[in-house]
Amino acid sequence: MEFDLHAGELVLAENRPLAARRARGALIVCTGGTVWITVAGEAGDIFLHAGQAHRIRSNGLALLEAIGHGSIRIQAHTRPLLGHWLRDFLRQHPDKLAIRHPPSPA
């Protein structure tokens, strides 16, 4: 079974943490209530209220749990499309990389 985490919200239960591994770069958006996040490799815990967000900076285990009730939306970190295109282009065409200097004034 697959879940599309980008399509909706997850309702978190108190005392039932959601574990996320290798979540570096994911943006956790609190859409309701209060959410408690603790991430291995990050100092301190994070408490989000509706409308607040936190980007996971570590690849350590992240635990997300509601305090009372809480809901979240997870947005995966995406690199800019241009960056992907440019990197792939330069890998395929390393000879195309050239530094051009403007002509010197005469």
Protein backbone atom coordinates (compact mmCIF):
# COMPACT_ATOMS: atom_id res chain seq x y z
CA MET A 1 0.00 0.00 0.00
CA GLU A 2 1.33 3.47 -0.87
CA PHE A 3 0.48 6.76 0.76
CA ASP A 4 0.73 10.10 -1.00
CA LEU A 5 1.85 12.38 1.81
CA HIS A 6 1.67 15.42 -0.46
CA ALA A 7 -2.05 15.04 -1.12
CA GLY A 8 -3.43 15.66 2.33
CA GLU A 9 -2.98 15.88 6.05
CA LEU A 10 -1.94 13.35 8.63
CA VAL A 11 -3.78 13.44 11.94
CA LEU A 12 -1.37 12.57 14.75
CA ALA A 13 -2.44 10.88 17.97
CA GLU A 14 -1.13 11.76 21.40
CA ASN A 15 1.29 9.14 22.78
CA ARG A 16 1.56 7.53 19.31
CA PRO A 17 4.65 9.05 17.64
CA LEU A 18 5.14 8.89 13.90
CA ALA A 19 8.72 7.85 13.05
CA ALA A 20 10.43 9.29 9.99
CA ARG A 21 13.85 8.16 8.79
CA ARG A 22 16.08 9.89 6.23
CA ALA A 23 13.75 12.90 6.24
CA ARG A 24 16.43 15.59 5.82
CA GLY A 25 14.99 18.53 3.93
CA ALA A 26 11.34 17.64 4.53
CA LEU A 27 9.16 20.53 5.63
CA ILE A 28 6.70 19.66 8.39
CA VAL A 29 3.75 22.05 8.36
CA CYS A 30 1.41 22.03 11.35
CA THR A 31 -2.11 22.39 9.99
CA GLY A 32 -3.93 22.10 13.31
CA GLY A 33 -3.38 21.71 17.04
CA THR A 34 0.10 21.30 18.49
CA VAL A 35 2.84 18.99 17.19
CA TRP A 36 6.00 17.96 19.02
CA ILE A 37 9.03 17.05 16.88
CA THR A 38 12.31 15.62 18.10
CA VAL A 39 15.08 14.75 15.65
CA ALA A 40 18.31 12.86 16.37
CA GLY A 41 21.19 15.16 15.51
CA GLU A 42 19.23 18.40 16.11
CA ALA A 43 19.55 20.30 19.37
CA GLY A 44 16.32 20.69 21.34
CA ASP A 45 12.77 19.74 20.55
CA ILE A 46 10.44 21.66 18.27
CA PHE A 47 6.86 22.56 19.13
CA LEU A 48 4.67 23.70 16.25
CA HIS A 49 1.25 25.30 16.39
CA ALA A 50 -1.19 25.65 13.49
CA GLY A 51 0.42 27.60 10.66
CA GLN A 52 4.02 27.02 11.81
CA ALA A 53 6.56 24.86 9.99
CA HIS A 54 9.95 23.25 10.56
CA ARG A 55 12.42 21.91 8.00
CA ILE A 56 14.23 18.74 9.12
CA ARG A 57 17.99 19.44 9.00
CA SER A 58 19.30 16.03 10.04
CA ASN A 59 19.00 12.57 8.58
CA GLY A 60 18.56 11.13 12.06
CA LEU A 61 15.36 9.53 13.29
CA ALA A 62 12.56 12.12 13.56
CA LEU A 63 9.63 11.52 15.88
CA LEU A 64 6.43 13.54 15.40
CA GLU A 65 3.62 13.44 17.92
CA ALA A 66 0.53 15.45 18.77
CA ILE A 67 0.11 17.16 22.11
CA GLY A 68 -3.61 16.75 22.61
CA HIS A 69 -4.51 16.78 18.95
CA GLY A 70 -2.48 17.81 15.93
CA SER A 71 -2.32 17.43 12.19
CA ILE A 72 0.52 17.93 9.72
CA ARG A 73 1.32 18.14 6.04
CA ILE A 74 4.73 16.95 4.86
CA GLN A 75 6.41 18.64 1.93
CA ALA A 76 9.44 16.87 0.52
CA HIS A 77 12.50 19.01 -0.12
CA THR A 78 13.03 19.56 -3.81
CA ARG A 79 16.01 21.15 -5.45
CA PRO A 80 15.32 23.75 -8.10
CA LEU A 81 14.62 22.25 -11.51
CA LEU A 82 17.22 24.49 -13.15
CA GLY A 83 19.88 23.13 -10.79
CA HIS A 84 19.08 19.53 -11.81
CA TRP A 85 19.05 20.42 -15.49
CA LEU A 86 22.34 22.33 -15.33
CA ARG A 87 24.10 19.60 -13.35
CA ASP A 88 22.93 16.89 -15.78
CA PHE A 89 23.83 19.00 -18.82
CA LEU A 90 27.37 19.65 -17.57
CA ARG A 91 27.88 15.96 -16.79
CA GLN A 92 26.91 15.07 -20.35
CA HIS A 93 28.76 17.97 -21.98
CA PRO A 94 31.82 18.91 -19.89
CA ASP A 95 33.36 20.57 -22.97
CA LYS A 96 30.53 23.14 -22.95
CA LEU A 97 31.75 24.73 -19.73
CA ALA A 98 33.75 27.81 -20.59
CA ILE A 99 34.38 31.08 -18.86
CA ARG A 100 34.00 33.98 -21.22
CA HIS A 101 35.47 37.39 -20.50
CA PRO A 102 34.14 40.55 -22.11
CA PRO A 103 36.43 42.10 -24.69
CA SER A 104 38.94 44.59 -23.35
CA PRO A 105 38.24 48.25 -24.19
CA ALA A 106 40.52 49.41 -26.99
